[in-house]
Amino acid sequence: MPEPLSPLHRRLCSRSNAVRVAARLTAAGEHVAVVATPEPLQPWRVVEVAEAASPSLRRLERCA
């Protein structure tokens, strides 16, 4: 059975944290998207828009 996530890890893995990171990258001129992954240890990920088209990722929000 996997270990439960620490409070810090749970906060860093949150959707709200991914959106915050994406907003900072967007402000810096990057074109990124927040995507959901099938990985329980990294359920949300910020990727370049071109990478967000990967079939293993489901795009949820684009930060333009």
C-alpha atoms as a PDB file:
ATOM      1  CA  MET A   1       0.000   0.000   0.000  1.00  0.00           C
ATOM      2  CA  PRO A   2       1.471   3.408  -0.967  1.00  0.00           C
ATOM      3  CA  GLU A   3       2.422   5.907   1.716  1.00  0.00           C
ATOM      4  CA  PRO A   4       0.010   8.819   2.154  1.00  0.00           C
ATOM      5  CA  LEU A   5       1.198  12.124   0.710  1.00  0.00           C
ATOM      6  CA  SER A   6       2.712  14.666   3.067  1.00  0.00           C
ATOM      7  CA  PRO A   7       0.845  17.990   3.422  1.00  0.00           C
ATOM      8  CA  LEU A   8       3.567  19.737   1.390  1.00  0.00           C
ATOM      9  CA  HIS A   9       3.461  17.144  -1.385  1.00  0.00           C
ATOM     10  CA  ARG A  10      -0.342  17.277  -1.443  1.00  0.00           C
ATOM     11  CA  ARG A  11      -0.199  21.098  -1.788  1.00  0.00           C
ATOM     12  CA  LEU A  12       2.458  20.976  -4.534  1.00  0.00           C
ATOM     13  CA  CYS A  13       0.440  18.341  -6.437  1.00  0.00           C
ATOM     14  CA  SER A  14      -2.756  20.377  -6.332  1.00  0.00           C
ATOM     15  CA  ARG A  15      -4.519  21.780  -9.374  1.00  0.00           C
ATOM     16  CA  SER A  16      -4.410  25.257  -7.846  1.00  0.00           C
ATOM     17  CA  ASN A  17      -0.613  25.088  -7.608  1.00  0.00           C
ATOM     18  CA  ALA A  18      -0.353  23.963 -11.239  1.00  0.00           C
ATOM     19  CA  VAL A  19      -2.555  26.881 -12.315  1.00  0.00           C
ATOM     20  CA  ARG A  20      -0.393  29.274 -10.263  1.00  0.00           C
ATOM     21  CA  VAL A  21       2.792  27.984 -11.922  1.00  0.00           C
ATOM     22  CA  ALA A  22       1.166  28.173 -15.360  1.00  0.00           C
ATOM     23  CA  ALA A  23       0.111  31.775 -14.733  1.00  0.00           C
ATOM     24  CA  ARG A  24       3.681  32.741 -13.822  1.00  0.00           C
ATOM     25  CA  LEU A  25       5.056  31.044 -16.932  1.00  0.00           C
ATOM     26  CA  THR A  26       2.408  32.708 -19.086  1.00  0.00           C
ATOM     27  CA  ALA A  27       3.337  36.108 -17.646  1.00  0.00           C
ATOM     28  CA  ALA A  28       6.923  35.340 -18.678  1.00  0.00           C
ATOM     29  CA  GLY A  29       5.793  34.738 -22.277  1.00  0.00           C
ATOM     30  CA  GLU A  30       5.541  30.946 -22.273  1.00  0.00           C
ATOM     31  CA  HIS A  31       2.584  29.179 -23.912  1.00  0.00           C
ATOM     32  CA  VAL A  32       1.567  26.499 -21.439  1.00  0.00           C
ATOM     33  CA  ALA A  33      -1.377  24.325 -20.475  1.00  0.00           C
ATOM     34  CA  VAL A  34      -2.399  22.613 -17.240  1.00  0.00           C
ATOM     35  CA  VAL A  35      -3.108  18.946 -17.871  1.00  0.00           C
ATOM     36  CA  ALA A  36      -4.268  15.974 -15.851  1.00  0.00           C
ATOM     37  CA  THR A  37      -2.055  12.888 -15.908  1.00  0.00           C
ATOM     38  CA  PRO A  38      -2.746   9.290 -14.933  1.00  0.00           C
ATOM     39  CA  GLU A  39       0.120   9.459 -12.410  1.00  0.00           C
ATOM     40  CA  PRO A  40      -1.034   9.574  -8.766  1.00  0.00           C
ATOM     41  CA  LEU A  41       2.211  11.248  -7.651  1.00  0.00           C
ATOM     42  CA  GLN A  42       1.878  13.984 -10.299  1.00  0.00           C
ATOM     43  CA  PRO A  43      -1.822  14.304 -11.108  1.00  0.00           C
ATOM     44  CA  TRP A  44      -1.454  17.821 -12.565  1.00  0.00           C
ATOM     45  CA  ARG A  45       1.293  19.022 -14.839  1.00  0.00           C
ATOM     46  CA  VAL A  46       2.204  22.254 -16.610  1.00  0.00           C
ATOM     47  CA  VAL A  47       3.396  21.588 -20.153  1.00  0.00           C
ATOM     48  CA  GLU A  48       4.093  23.560 -23.302  1.00  0.00           C
ATOM     49  CA  VAL A  49       0.977  23.837 -25.452  1.00  0.00           C
ATOM     50  CA  ALA A  50       2.548  21.677 -28.192  1.00  0.00           C
ATOM     51  CA  GLU A  51       3.154  18.871 -25.677  1.00  0.00           C
ATOM     52  CA  ALA A  52      -0.410  19.104 -24.342  1.00  0.00           C
ATOM     53  CA  ALA A  53      -1.654  17.328 -27.485  1.00  0.00           C
ATOM     54  CA  SER A  54      -0.071  14.075 -26.265  1.00  0.00           C
ATOM     55  CA  PRO A  55      -2.646  11.247 -26.106  1.00  0.00           C
ATOM     56  CA  SER A  56      -1.454  10.299 -22.606  1.00  0.00           C
ATOM     57  CA  LEU A  57      -2.466  13.733 -21.273  1.00  0.00           C
ATOM     58  CA  ARG A  58      -5.889  15.274 -21.087  1.00  0.00           C
ATOM     59  CA  ARG A  59      -5.792  19.033 -21.544  1.00  0.00           C
ATOM     60  CA  LEU A  60      -7.912  20.839 -19.010  1.00  0.00           C
ATOM     61  CA  GLU A  61      -6.943  24.457 -19.127  1.00  0.00           C
ATOM     62  CA  ARG A  62      -4.882  26.542 -21.468  1.00  0.00           C
ATOM     63  CA  CYS A  63      -3.122  29.633 -20.173  1.00  0.00           C
ATOM     64  CA  ALA A  64      -2.658  32.004 -23.097  1.00  0.00           C
END
